[in-house]
Amino acid sequence: MTEWQRINGGQGAERVARALELGAGAQSSLAPLLLPLAQRVECSAYDAVMLPAVRTRNAALLPVDEHARIVYTRQDAHQLQGQWDVIVLKSVLGGLHRVHHSTLADVHATLVQLMQHLSPGGWLVTLDNGVSAVAPLLARLGARRNGWRLLRRGDLPAPAFYASYGVLSSFSAATRLGAAGAAIDDALYVADRVLTPLARQHAVHLHAYRQGTVA
């Protein structure tokens, strides 16, 4: 059973009509992973300048006919226009609600706002950076000086589905160091396979909410 089938109550063989990736970046886009779930995928970025790089990256990964099912737009999480069956955010909430000028209540309010753009029975899925055991060390080395919000388990409202993972995987070395960084990421992944069951706080949190379940 796939993770999506687990989230969707054991279902998931049938594609939904529309999915949205909110907050795609030049080095990271989940849109290719959404294609098996939706007939049409909207890949959006807050800054339209990023879209050509996102499009080029995704096109290199996909057959032409599959890539044709992705449309690229500029969307602001606070001013969404449209309705979708699935909305997915990766490393977005921490940037929208930096610790210097926001609270967890603001994060919760954004979740409620986003769910207003779901079709009946739709899903909101977030992947967020977490406070792992190595987060204090990384902070001493200068990480997250920009106030990026890191989450702990329980910071967000209770979801329909929750999963967390990783201790060392707090960033992508490949985006900074290319092939050498990819080798580092692979090594960290192997280590995290061992460390994740032993850790209380993880580096990545996944929350999935059914439309209408957060108020």
N, C-alpha and C. Protein backbone atom coordinates (compact mmCIF):
# COMPACT_ATOMS: atom_id res chain seq x y z
N MET A 1 0.85 -1.19 0.00
CA MET A 1 0.00 0.00 0.00
C MET A 1 0.88 1.24 0.00
N THR A 2 0.63 2.19 -0.90
CA THR A 2 1.42 3.41 -0.97
C THR A 2 1.07 4.35 0.17
N GLU A 3 1.95 5.34 0.42
CA GLU A 3 1.66 6.32 1.46
C GLU A 3 0.37 7.07 1.15
N TRP A 4 0.13 7.37 -0.14
CA TRP A 4 -1.10 8.08 -0.49
C TRP A 4 -2.32 7.22 -0.18
N GLN A 5 -2.27 5.93 -0.44
CA GLN A 5 -3.39 5.05 -0.13
C GLN A 5 -3.62 4.99 1.37
N ARG A 6 -2.56 5.02 2.16
CA ARG A 6 -2.72 5.04 3.62
C ARG A 6 -3.41 6.33 4.04
N ILE A 7 -2.98 7.46 3.48
CA ILE A 7 -3.60 8.73 3.81
C ILE A 7 -5.07 8.73 3.40
N ASN A 8 -5.36 8.14 2.26
CA ASN A 8 -6.70 8.20 1.68
C ASN A 8 -7.58 7.02 2.09
N GLY A 9 -7.28 6.46 3.25
CA GLY A 9 -8.13 5.42 3.79
C GLY A 9 -8.12 4.12 3.02
N GLY A 10 -6.97 3.78 2.42
CA GLY A 10 -6.86 2.54 1.67
C GLY A 10 -7.27 2.67 0.22
N GLN A 11 -7.74 3.85 -0.17
CA GLN A 11 -8.14 4.09 -1.54
C GLN A 11 -6.98 4.76 -2.28
N GLY A 12 -7.21 5.26 -3.48
CA GLY A 12 -6.17 6.02 -4.15
C GLY A 12 -5.84 5.53 -5.54
N ALA A 13 -6.49 4.45 -6.00
CA ALA A 13 -6.19 3.97 -7.34
C ALA A 13 -6.73 4.91 -8.40
N GLU A 14 -7.76 5.67 -8.07
CA GLU A 14 -8.40 6.56 -9.03
C GLU A 14 -7.83 7.98 -8.87
N ARG A 15 -7.49 8.59 -9.99
CA ARG A 15 -6.93 9.94 -9.93
C ARG A 15 -8.01 10.96 -9.60
N VAL A 16 -7.61 11.96 -8.80
CA VAL A 16 -8.48 13.10 -8.59
C VAL A 16 -8.33 14.02 -9.80
N ALA A 17 -9.19 15.04 -9.87
CA ALA A 17 -9.18 15.91 -11.05
C ALA A 17 -8.01 16.90 -11.01
N ARG A 18 -7.82 17.57 -9.86
CA ARG A 18 -6.85 18.67 -9.83
C ARG A 18 -6.02 18.62 -8.55
N ALA A 19 -4.72 18.82 -8.70
CA ALA A 19 -3.80 18.92 -7.57
C ALA A 19 -2.96 20.18 -7.72
N LEU A 20 -2.57 20.73 -6.60
CA LEU A 20 -1.74 21.94 -6.58
C LEU A 20 -0.50 21.72 -5.74
N GLU A 21 0.65 21.99 -6.31
CA GLU A 21 1.87 22.11 -5.52
C GLU A 21 2.07 23.59 -5.24
N LEU A 22 2.09 23.94 -3.98
CA LEU A 22 2.22 25.34 -3.58
C LEU A 22 3.63 25.58 -3.05
N GLY A 23 4.36 26.51 -3.68
CA GLY A 23 5.69 26.86 -3.20
C GLY A 23 6.81 26.06 -3.81
N ALA A 24 6.70 25.70 -5.08
CA ALA A 24 7.80 24.98 -5.74
C ALA A 24 9.03 25.88 -5.83
N GLY A 25 10.20 25.26 -5.82
CA GLY A 25 11.45 26.01 -5.91
C GLY A 25 12.28 25.53 -7.08
N ALA A 26 13.27 26.32 -7.44
CA ALA A 26 14.12 25.99 -8.59
C ALA A 26 14.85 24.67 -8.39
N GLN A 27 15.13 24.30 -7.13
CA GLN A 27 15.85 23.07 -6.84
C GLN A 27 14.95 21.95 -6.34
N SER A 28 13.65 22.23 -6.22
CA SER A 28 12.77 21.22 -5.63
C SER A 28 11.34 21.42 -6.08
N SER A 29 10.77 20.38 -6.66
CA SER A 29 9.36 20.41 -7.06
C SER A 29 8.76 19.03 -6.86
N LEU A 30 7.58 19.01 -6.24
CA LEU A 30 6.86 17.75 -6.02
C LEU A 30 5.88 17.43 -7.13
N ALA A 31 5.73 18.33 -8.10
CA ALA A 31 4.73 18.13 -9.15
C ALA A 31 4.87 16.78 -9.85
N PRO A 32 6.07 16.31 -10.20
CA PRO A 32 6.17 15.00 -10.86
C PRO A 32 5.59 13.86 -10.01
N LEU A 33 5.71 13.99 -8.68
CA LEU A 33 5.18 12.95 -7.80
C LEU A 33 3.67 13.00 -7.69
N LEU A 34 3.07 14.12 -8.06
CA LEU A 34 1.62 14.25 -7.98
C LEU A 34 0.91 13.74 -9.23
N LEU A 35 1.63 13.55 -10.31
CA LEU A 35 1.02 13.12 -11.57
C LEU A 35 0.25 11.80 -11.46
N PRO A 36 0.73 10.80 -10.70
CA PRO A 36 -0.06 9.57 -10.57
C PRO A 36 -1.35 9.77 -9.78
N LEU A 37 -1.45 10.87 -9.04
CA LEU A 37 -2.61 11.10 -8.18
C LEU A 37 -3.68 11.97 -8.82
N ALA A 38 -3.30 12.78 -9.81
CA ALA A 38 -4.22 13.78 -10.36
C ALA A 38 -4.14 13.83 -11.87
N GLN A 39 -5.28 14.12 -12.49
CA GLN A 39 -5.32 14.26 -13.95
C GLN A 39 -4.57 15.51 -14.40
N ARG A 40 -4.66 16.57 -13.59
CA ARG A 40 -4.00 17.84 -13.92
C ARG A 40 -3.31 18.37 -12.68
N VAL A 41 -2.06 18.75 -12.82
CA VAL A 41 -1.27 19.23 -11.68
C VAL A 41 -0.87 20.68 -11.95
N GLU A 42 -1.16 21.54 -11.00
CA GLU A 42 -0.71 22.93 -11.07
C GLU A 42 0.52 23.08 -10.18
N CYS A 43 1.60 23.52 -10.78
CA CYS A 43 2.86 23.72 -10.07
C CYS A 43 3.07 25.22 -9.92
N SER A 44 3.04 25.72 -8.69
CA SER A 44 3.10 27.16 -8.49
C SER A 44 4.30 27.56 -7.64
N ALA A 45 4.74 28.78 -7.86
CA ALA A 45 5.80 29.38 -7.06
C ALA A 45 5.36 30.78 -6.65
N TYR A 46 5.85 31.22 -5.50
CA TYR A 46 5.51 32.57 -5.06
C TYR A 46 6.15 33.60 -5.98
N ASP A 47 7.36 33.33 -6.41
CA ASP A 47 8.10 34.23 -7.30
C ASP A 47 8.07 33.67 -8.71
N ALA A 48 7.40 34.37 -9.62
CA ALA A 48 7.27 33.89 -11.00
C ALA A 48 8.61 33.74 -11.70
N VAL A 49 9.64 34.43 -11.22
CA VAL A 49 10.97 34.33 -11.83
C VAL A 49 11.51 32.89 -11.73
N MET A 50 11.06 32.14 -10.71
CA MET A 50 11.54 30.77 -10.53
C MET A 50 10.93 29.79 -11.52
N LEU A 51 9.78 30.12 -12.08
CA LEU A 51 9.02 29.14 -12.85
C LEU A 51 9.77 28.54 -14.04
N PRO A 52 10.52 29.33 -14.84
CA PRO A 52 11.26 28.69 -15.95
C PRO A 52 12.23 27.61 -15.48
N ALA A 53 12.91 27.84 -14.36
CA ALA A 53 13.85 26.84 -13.85
C ALA A 53 13.11 25.61 -13.34
N VAL A 54 11.98 25.82 -12.68
CA VAL A 54 11.17 24.70 -12.20
C VAL A 54 10.66 23.88 -13.38
N ARG A 55 10.17 24.57 -14.41
CA ARG A 55 9.65 23.89 -15.59
C ARG A 55 10.75 23.06 -16.27
N THR A 56 11.94 23.65 -16.42
CA THR A 56 13.05 22.94 -17.06
C THR A 56 13.44 21.70 -16.27
N ARG A 57 13.49 21.85 -14.95
CA ARG A 57 13.87 20.71 -14.10
C ARG A 57 12.86 19.58 -14.23
N ASN A 58 11.57 19.91 -14.17
CA ASN A 58 10.54 18.87 -14.24
C ASN A 58 10.50 18.23 -15.64
N ALA A 59 10.66 19.05 -16.67
CA ALA A 59 10.62 18.52 -18.04
C ALA A 59 11.73 17.50 -18.27
N ALA A 60 12.88 17.71 -17.63
CA ALA A 60 14.00 16.79 -17.79
C ALA A 60 13.73 15.45 -17.12
N LEU A 61 12.79 15.41 -16.19
CA LEU A 61 12.51 14.20 -15.43
C LEU A 61 11.37 13.38 -16.01
N LEU A 62 10.56 13.97 -16.91
CA LEU A 62 9.30 13.36 -17.30
C LEU A 62 9.20 13.15 -18.81
N PRO A 63 8.45 12.13 -19.24
CA PRO A 63 8.09 12.02 -20.66
C PRO A 63 7.27 13.23 -21.08
N VAL A 64 7.31 13.56 -22.35
CA VAL A 64 6.64 14.77 -22.84
C VAL A 64 5.16 14.76 -22.52
N ASP A 65 4.48 13.62 -22.71
CA ASP A 65 3.05 13.58 -22.48
C ASP A 65 2.69 13.74 -21.02
N GLU A 66 3.54 13.25 -20.14
CA GLU A 66 3.30 13.43 -18.70
C GLU A 66 3.54 14.88 -18.29
N HIS A 67 4.61 15.47 -18.78
CA HIS A 67 4.90 16.86 -18.43
C HIS A 67 3.82 17.80 -18.94
N ALA A 68 3.14 17.43 -20.01
CA ALA A 68 2.07 18.26 -20.56
C ALA A 68 0.89 18.39 -19.61
N ARG A 69 0.80 17.51 -18.62
CA ARG A 69 -0.30 17.58 -17.65
C ARG A 69 0.00 18.52 -16.49
N ILE A 70 1.18 19.15 -16.51
CA ILE A 70 1.54 20.14 -15.48
C ILE A 70 1.39 21.54 -16.05
N VAL A 71 0.71 22.41 -15.32
CA VAL A 71 0.59 23.81 -15.69
C VAL A 71 1.33 24.63 -14.63
N TYR A 72 2.03 25.68 -15.05
CA TYR A 72 2.87 26.46 -14.15
C TYR A 72 2.24 27.83 -13.91
N THR A 73 2.10 28.18 -12.63
CA THR A 73 1.46 29.44 -12.26
C THR A 73 2.20 30.09 -11.11
N ARG A 74 1.87 31.35 -10.88
CA ARG A 74 2.38 32.07 -9.71
C ARG A 74 1.22 32.22 -8.72
N GLN A 75 1.35 31.60 -7.54
CA GLN A 75 0.31 31.67 -6.51
C GLN A 75 0.91 32.14 -5.19
N ASP A 76 0.15 32.94 -4.47
CA ASP A 76 0.51 33.39 -3.13
C ASP A 76 -0.34 32.60 -2.14
N ALA A 77 0.30 31.95 -1.18
CA ALA A 77 -0.44 31.12 -0.22
C ALA A 77 -1.50 31.91 0.53
N HIS A 78 -1.28 33.21 0.71
CA HIS A 78 -2.24 34.03 1.44
C HIS A 78 -3.36 34.55 0.55
N GLN A 79 -3.21 34.41 -0.76
CA GLN A 79 -4.22 34.94 -1.69
C GLN A 79 -4.47 33.93 -2.81
N LEU A 80 -4.78 32.71 -2.44
CA LEU A 80 -5.01 31.67 -3.45
C LEU A 80 -6.24 31.98 -4.29
N GLN A 81 -6.18 31.56 -5.53
CA GLN A 81 -7.31 31.69 -6.46
C GLN A 81 -7.59 30.32 -7.04
N GLY A 82 -8.71 29.68 -6.65
CA GLY A 82 -9.07 28.41 -7.23
C GLY A 82 -9.42 27.37 -6.20
N GLN A 83 -9.83 26.18 -6.68
CA GLN A 83 -10.19 25.04 -5.85
C GLN A 83 -9.45 23.81 -6.37
N TRP A 84 -9.00 22.95 -5.46
CA TRP A 84 -8.26 21.75 -5.84
C TRP A 84 -8.70 20.58 -4.98
N ASP A 85 -8.45 19.39 -5.48
CA ASP A 85 -8.75 18.17 -4.72
C ASP A 85 -7.62 17.83 -3.76
N VAL A 86 -6.40 18.21 -4.13
CA VAL A 86 -5.23 17.99 -3.28
C VAL A 86 -4.35 19.24 -3.36
N ILE A 87 -3.93 19.74 -2.20
CA ILE A 87 -2.95 20.82 -2.12
C ILE A 87 -1.77 20.31 -1.31
N VAL A 88 -0.57 20.44 -1.87
CA VAL A 88 0.64 19.95 -1.20
C VAL A 88 1.62 21.10 -1.03
N LEU A 89 2.18 21.21 0.17
CA LEU A 89 3.20 22.22 0.47
C LEU A 89 4.43 21.51 1.02
N LYS A 90 5.58 21.83 0.47
CA LYS A 90 6.84 21.28 0.98
C LYS A 90 7.73 22.44 1.43
N SER A 91 8.08 22.44 2.73
CA SER A 91 8.96 23.48 3.29
C SER A 91 8.42 24.87 2.96
N VAL A 92 7.14 25.06 3.20
CA VAL A 92 6.50 26.34 2.94
C VAL A 92 6.09 27.04 4.22
N LEU A 93 5.45 26.33 5.15
CA LEU A 93 4.93 26.97 6.35
C LEU A 93 6.03 27.63 7.17
N GLY A 94 7.20 27.00 7.23
CA GLY A 94 8.30 27.58 8.01
C GLY A 94 8.79 28.90 7.46
N GLY A 95 8.70 29.06 6.14
CA GLY A 95 9.10 30.32 5.52
C GLY A 95 8.03 31.38 5.60
N LEU A 96 6.77 30.96 5.51
CA LEU A 96 5.67 31.93 5.62
C LEU A 96 5.57 32.51 7.02
N HIS A 97 5.89 31.68 8.02
CA HIS A 97 5.68 32.09 9.41
C HIS A 97 6.99 32.00 10.19
N ARG A 98 7.89 32.90 9.87
CA ARG A 98 9.19 32.91 10.54
C ARG A 98 9.02 33.35 12.00
N VAL A 99 9.91 32.86 12.84
CA VAL A 99 9.73 33.01 14.28
C VAL A 99 9.80 34.47 14.74
N HIS A 100 10.44 35.34 13.95
CA HIS A 100 10.60 36.72 14.35
C HIS A 100 9.31 37.52 14.31
N HIS A 101 8.37 37.09 13.48
CA HIS A 101 7.18 37.93 13.31
C HIS A 101 5.89 37.12 13.20
N SER A 102 5.84 35.92 13.79
CA SER A 102 4.62 35.14 13.74
C SER A 102 4.57 34.17 14.92
N THR A 103 3.41 33.53 15.10
CA THR A 103 3.22 32.55 16.16
C THR A 103 2.64 31.27 15.56
N LEU A 104 2.55 30.24 16.38
CA LEU A 104 1.93 29.01 15.92
C LEU A 104 0.46 29.23 15.59
N ALA A 105 -0.18 30.16 16.28
CA ALA A 105 -1.57 30.48 15.96
C ALA A 105 -1.69 30.98 14.52
N ASP A 106 -0.71 31.73 14.05
CA ASP A 106 -0.71 32.18 12.66
C ASP A 106 -0.58 31.01 11.70
N VAL A 107 0.24 30.03 12.06
CA VAL A 107 0.40 28.84 11.23
C VAL A 107 -0.94 28.11 11.13
N HIS A 108 -1.61 27.95 12.27
CA HIS A 108 -2.90 27.26 12.28
C HIS A 108 -3.92 28.01 11.42
N ALA A 109 -3.90 29.33 11.50
CA ALA A 109 -4.84 30.13 10.71
C ALA A 109 -4.60 29.94 9.22
N THR A 110 -3.34 29.81 8.82
CA THR A 110 -3.02 29.59 7.41
C THR A 110 -3.56 28.25 6.95
N LEU A 111 -3.47 27.22 7.79
CA LEU A 111 -4.02 25.91 7.43
C LEU A 111 -5.52 26.00 7.18
N VAL A 112 -6.22 26.71 8.06
CA VAL A 112 -7.66 26.89 7.89
C VAL A 112 -7.96 27.61 6.58
N GLN A 113 -7.17 28.64 6.30
CA GLN A 113 -7.37 29.41 5.07
C GLN A 113 -7.14 28.55 3.84
N LEU A 114 -6.09 27.74 3.85
CA LEU A 114 -5.78 26.89 2.71
C LEU A 114 -6.88 25.85 2.47
N MET A 115 -7.46 25.34 3.55
CA MET A 115 -8.47 24.31 3.41
C MET A 115 -9.76 24.84 2.78
N GLN A 116 -9.92 26.13 2.78
CA GLN A 116 -11.08 26.73 2.11
C GLN A 116 -10.98 26.58 0.59
N HIS A 117 -9.80 26.22 0.10
CA HIS A 117 -9.59 26.06 -1.34
C HIS A 117 -9.58 24.60 -1.76
N LEU A 118 -10.07 23.71 -0.89
CA LEU A 118 -10.18 22.30 -1.21
C LEU A 118 -11.58 21.97 -1.68
N SER A 119 -11.68 21.07 -2.64
CA SER A 119 -12.97 20.53 -3.04
C SER A 119 -13.50 19.66 -1.90
N PRO A 120 -14.82 19.39 -1.86
CA PRO A 120 -15.36 18.50 -0.82
C PRO A 120 -14.61 17.18 -0.77
N GLY A 121 -14.16 16.81 0.41
CA GLY A 121 -13.40 15.58 0.57
C GLY A 121 -11.94 15.69 0.19
N GLY A 122 -11.48 16.90 -0.16
CA GLY A 122 -10.10 17.08 -0.60
C GLY A 122 -9.11 17.00 0.54
N TRP A 123 -7.83 17.01 0.16
CA TRP A 123 -6.74 16.83 1.13
C TRP A 123 -5.73 17.97 1.04
N LEU A 124 -5.29 18.41 2.23
CA LEU A 124 -4.17 19.34 2.36
C LEU A 124 -3.02 18.57 3.00
N VAL A 125 -1.87 18.53 2.32
CA VAL A 125 -0.71 17.78 2.80
C VAL A 125 0.47 18.74 2.94
N THR A 126 1.08 18.76 4.13
CA THR A 126 2.23 19.62 4.34
C THR A 126 3.45 18.79 4.75
N LEU A 127 4.61 19.17 4.20
CA LEU A 127 5.90 18.60 4.60
C LEU A 127 6.71 19.75 5.17
N ASP A 128 7.09 19.64 6.43
CA ASP A 128 7.72 20.77 7.11
C ASP A 128 9.01 20.36 7.80
N ASN A 129 9.93 21.32 7.91
CA ASN A 129 11.19 21.09 8.61
C ASN A 129 10.94 20.99 10.11
N GLY A 130 11.62 20.03 10.75
CA GLY A 130 11.42 19.80 12.17
C GLY A 130 12.65 20.07 13.01
N VAL A 131 12.43 20.10 14.32
CA VAL A 131 13.51 20.29 15.29
C VAL A 131 14.06 18.92 15.65
N SER A 132 15.10 18.51 14.98
CA SER A 132 15.72 17.22 15.29
C SER A 132 16.82 17.42 16.33
N ALA A 133 17.46 16.33 16.71
CA ALA A 133 18.51 16.39 17.73
C ALA A 133 19.70 17.23 17.30
N VAL A 134 19.92 17.35 15.98
CA VAL A 134 21.08 18.12 15.51
C VAL A 134 20.74 19.58 15.23
N ALA A 135 19.48 19.97 15.40
CA ALA A 135 19.09 21.35 15.11
C ALA A 135 19.87 22.38 15.94
N PRO A 136 20.08 22.16 17.25
CA PRO A 136 20.88 23.14 18.02
C PRO A 136 22.30 23.30 17.49
N LEU A 137 22.91 22.19 17.07
CA LEU A 137 24.26 22.26 16.51
C LEU A 137 24.27 23.05 15.21
N LEU A 138 23.30 22.77 14.35
CA LEU A 138 23.22 23.50 13.09
C LEU A 138 22.97 24.98 13.32
N ALA A 139 22.21 25.31 14.35
CA ALA A 139 21.96 26.72 14.67
C ALA A 139 23.25 27.42 15.07
N ARG A 140 24.10 26.73 15.83
CA ARG A 140 25.39 27.32 16.21
C ARG A 140 26.29 27.55 15.00
N LEU A 141 26.09 26.74 13.98
CA LEU A 141 26.88 26.88 12.75
C LEU A 141 26.28 27.91 11.79
N GLY A 142 25.16 28.52 12.19
CA GLY A 142 24.58 29.58 11.38
C GLY A 142 23.32 29.24 10.64
N ALA A 143 22.84 27.99 10.78
CA ALA A 143 21.63 27.60 10.06
C ALA A 143 20.42 28.32 10.61
N ARG A 144 19.46 28.61 9.74
CA ARG A 144 18.18 29.22 10.10
C ARG A 144 18.32 30.60 10.71
N ARG A 145 19.36 31.34 10.37
CA ARG A 145 19.47 32.71 10.86
C ARG A 145 18.33 33.58 10.35
N ASN A 146 17.71 33.15 9.27
CA ASN A 146 16.62 33.93 8.68
C ASN A 146 15.31 33.76 9.44
N GLY A 147 15.34 33.03 10.55
CA GLY A 147 14.15 32.89 11.37
C GLY A 147 13.18 31.82 10.91
N TRP A 148 13.62 30.96 10.01
CA TRP A 148 12.76 29.90 9.50
C TRP A 148 12.20 29.09 10.66
N ARG A 149 10.90 28.86 10.65
CA ARG A 149 10.26 28.14 11.75
C ARG A 149 10.42 26.64 11.60
N LEU A 150 10.95 26.00 12.62
CA LEU A 150 11.06 24.56 12.69
C LEU A 150 9.97 24.03 13.62
N LEU A 151 9.36 22.94 13.24
CA LEU A 151 8.22 22.41 13.99
C LEU A 151 8.61 21.21 14.84
N ARG A 152 7.90 21.06 15.96
CA ARG A 152 7.97 19.86 16.77
C ARG A 152 6.67 19.09 16.62
N ARG A 153 6.72 17.82 16.88
CA ARG A 153 5.49 17.03 16.82
C ARG A 153 4.48 17.61 17.80
N GLY A 154 3.27 17.83 17.34
CA GLY A 154 2.23 18.40 18.18
C GLY A 154 2.05 19.89 18.00
N ASP A 155 2.92 20.55 17.23
CA ASP A 155 2.78 21.99 17.01
C ASP A 155 1.57 22.31 16.13
N LEU A 156 1.23 21.41 15.22
CA LEU A 156 0.11 21.65 14.31
C LEU A 156 -1.14 20.92 14.82
N PRO A 157 -2.32 21.33 14.35
CA PRO A 157 -3.54 20.62 14.74
C PRO A 157 -3.46 19.14 14.39
N ALA A 158 -4.21 18.33 15.14
CA ALA A 158 -4.20 16.89 14.92
C ALA A 158 -4.64 16.57 13.49
N PRO A 159 -3.82 15.84 12.72
CA PRO A 159 -4.14 15.54 11.32
C PRO A 159 -4.87 14.21 11.20
N ALA A 160 -5.38 13.95 10.00
CA ALA A 160 -5.95 12.64 9.70
C ALA A 160 -4.85 11.60 9.52
N PHE A 161 -3.68 12.06 9.08
CA PHE A 161 -2.54 11.18 8.90
C PHE A 161 -1.28 11.96 9.24
N TYR A 162 -0.36 11.28 9.94
CA TYR A 162 0.89 11.94 10.33
C TYR A 162 2.05 10.96 10.15
N ALA A 163 3.18 11.48 9.68
CA ALA A 163 4.41 10.70 9.62
C ALA A 163 5.58 11.65 9.81
N SER A 164 6.67 11.15 10.38
CA SER A 164 7.87 11.97 10.53
C SER A 164 9.09 11.11 10.25
N TYR A 165 10.19 11.78 9.93
CA TYR A 165 11.36 11.01 9.50
C TYR A 165 12.63 11.85 9.67
N GLY A 166 13.71 11.17 9.94
CA GLY A 166 15.04 11.76 9.83
C GLY A 166 15.54 12.48 11.06
N VAL A 167 16.86 12.48 11.19
CA VAL A 167 17.56 13.22 12.23
C VAL A 167 18.62 14.11 11.58
N LEU A 168 19.36 13.56 10.65
CA LEU A 168 20.46 14.27 10.00
C LEU A 168 20.04 14.99 8.73
N SER A 169 18.93 14.57 8.14
CA SER A 169 18.51 15.12 6.84
C SER A 169 17.79 16.45 7.01
N SER A 170 18.53 17.46 7.42
CA SER A 170 17.95 18.77 7.68
C SER A 170 18.10 19.73 6.50
N PHE A 171 18.80 19.30 5.46
CA PHE A 171 19.02 20.16 4.29
C PHE A 171 19.44 19.27 3.13
N SER A 172 19.44 19.83 1.93
CA SER A 172 19.88 19.09 0.75
C SER A 172 21.30 19.51 0.39
N ALA A 173 22.24 18.61 0.55
CA ALA A 173 23.63 18.91 0.16
C ALA A 173 23.77 18.95 -1.35
N ALA A 174 22.92 18.19 -2.06
CA ALA A 174 23.04 18.14 -3.52
C ALA A 174 22.77 19.50 -4.16
N THR A 175 21.87 20.28 -3.60
CA THR A 175 21.57 21.59 -4.18
C THR A 175 22.72 22.57 -3.98
N ARG A 176 23.61 22.28 -3.04
CA ARG A 176 24.73 23.18 -2.76
C ARG A 176 26.04 22.69 -3.37
N LEU A 177 26.20 21.34 -3.43
CA LEU A 177 27.49 20.78 -3.82
C LEU A 177 27.42 19.86 -5.04
N GLY A 178 26.27 19.78 -5.68
CA GLY A 178 26.15 18.96 -6.87
C GLY A 178 26.32 17.48 -6.60
N ALA A 179 27.12 16.80 -7.44
CA ALA A 179 27.28 15.36 -7.33
C ALA A 179 27.88 14.95 -5.99
N ALA A 180 28.85 15.73 -5.50
CA ALA A 180 29.44 15.42 -4.20
C ALA A 180 28.38 15.53 -3.10
N GLY A 181 27.53 16.54 -3.21
CA GLY A 181 26.46 16.70 -2.24
C GLY A 181 25.46 15.57 -2.30
N ALA A 182 25.19 15.07 -3.50
CA ALA A 182 24.26 13.94 -3.64
C ALA A 182 24.79 12.71 -2.91
N ALA A 183 26.11 12.50 -2.97
CA ALA A 183 26.71 11.38 -2.25
C ALA A 183 26.56 11.56 -0.74
N ILE A 184 26.69 12.81 -0.28
CA ILE A 184 26.48 13.09 1.14
C ILE A 184 25.04 12.81 1.53
N ASP A 185 24.10 13.26 0.69
CA ASP A 185 22.68 13.01 0.97
C ASP A 185 22.39 11.52 1.06
N ASP A 186 22.99 10.73 0.17
CA ASP A 186 22.78 9.28 0.19
C ASP A 186 23.29 8.68 1.50
N ALA A 187 24.44 9.16 1.95
CA ALA A 187 25.00 8.64 3.20
C ALA A 187 24.13 9.03 4.40
N LEU A 188 23.64 10.26 4.39
CA LEU A 188 22.76 10.71 5.48
C LEU A 188 21.46 9.91 5.50
N TYR A 189 20.97 9.57 4.30
CA TYR A 189 19.74 8.78 4.23
C TYR A 189 19.94 7.42 4.88
N VAL A 190 21.06 6.78 4.58
CA VAL A 190 21.34 5.47 5.18
C VAL A 190 21.40 5.60 6.71
N ALA A 191 22.08 6.64 7.19
CA ALA A 191 22.17 6.85 8.64
C ALA A 191 20.80 7.11 9.25
N ASP A 192 19.98 7.88 8.54
CA ASP A 192 18.65 8.20 9.08
C ASP A 192 17.73 6.99 9.13
N ARG A 193 17.93 6.04 8.24
CA ARG A 193 17.14 4.81 8.31
C ARG A 193 17.35 4.11 9.65
N VAL A 194 18.55 4.26 10.20
CA VAL A 194 18.87 3.65 11.49
C VAL A 194 18.42 4.55 12.64
N LEU A 195 18.64 5.86 12.51
CA LEU A 195 18.40 6.78 13.61
C LEU A 195 16.93 7.14 13.82
N THR A 196 16.14 7.13 12.76
CA THR A 196 14.75 7.60 12.87
C THR A 196 13.95 6.86 13.94
N PRO A 197 14.00 5.53 14.01
CA PRO A 197 13.21 4.85 15.05
C PRO A 197 13.68 5.15 16.47
N LEU A 198 14.91 5.62 16.60
CA LEU A 198 15.48 5.87 17.92
C LEU A 198 15.23 7.29 18.42
N ALA A 199 14.86 8.19 17.52
CA ALA A 199 14.75 9.61 17.86
C ALA A 199 13.33 9.98 18.28
N ARG A 200 13.24 10.96 19.17
CA ARG A 200 11.93 11.47 19.60
C ARG A 200 11.44 12.59 18.71
N GLN A 201 12.36 13.39 18.21
CA GLN A 201 12.01 14.50 17.32
C GLN A 201 12.71 14.30 15.99
N HIS A 202 11.96 14.51 14.91
CA HIS A 202 12.49 14.23 13.59
C HIS A 202 12.67 15.49 12.75
N ALA A 203 13.43 15.35 11.66
CA ALA A 203 13.79 16.49 10.83
C ALA A 203 12.71 16.87 9.83
N VAL A 204 11.79 15.94 9.55
CA VAL A 204 10.72 16.20 8.58
C VAL A 204 9.40 15.71 9.16
N HIS A 205 8.37 16.55 9.05
CA HIS A 205 7.03 16.19 9.52
C HIS A 205 6.05 16.27 8.36
N LEU A 206 5.25 15.22 8.19
CA LEU A 206 4.18 15.22 7.19
C LEU A 206 2.84 15.20 7.92
N HIS A 207 1.99 16.17 7.60
CA HIS A 207 0.63 16.24 8.13
C HIS A 207 -0.35 16.22 6.95
N ALA A 208 -1.39 15.41 7.04
CA ALA A 208 -2.42 15.38 6.01
C ALA A 208 -3.78 15.65 6.66
N TYR A 209 -4.50 16.63 6.10
CA TYR A 209 -5.78 17.07 6.64
C TYR A 209 -6.88 16.87 5.60
N ARG A 210 -8.00 16.30 6.01
CA ARG A 210 -9.17 16.18 5.14
C ARG A 210 -9.95 17.47 5.19
N GLN A 211 -10.52 17.87 4.09
CA GLN A 211 -11.27 19.12 4.00
C GLN A 211 -12.32 19.20 5.11
N GLY A 212 -12.29 20.36 5.82
CA GLY A 212 -13.26 20.61 6.86
C GLY A 212 -12.91 20.07 8.23
N THR A 213 -11.71 19.49 8.41
CA THR A 213 -11.37 18.89 9.69
C THR A 213 -10.53 19.78 10.59
N VAL A 214 -10.15 20.97 10.11
CA VAL A 214 -9.40 21.92 10.93
C VAL A 214 -10.22 23.19 11.04
N ALA A 215 -10.41 23.66 12.29
CA ALA A 215 -11.22 24.86 12.49
C ALA A 215 -10.51 25.77 13.48
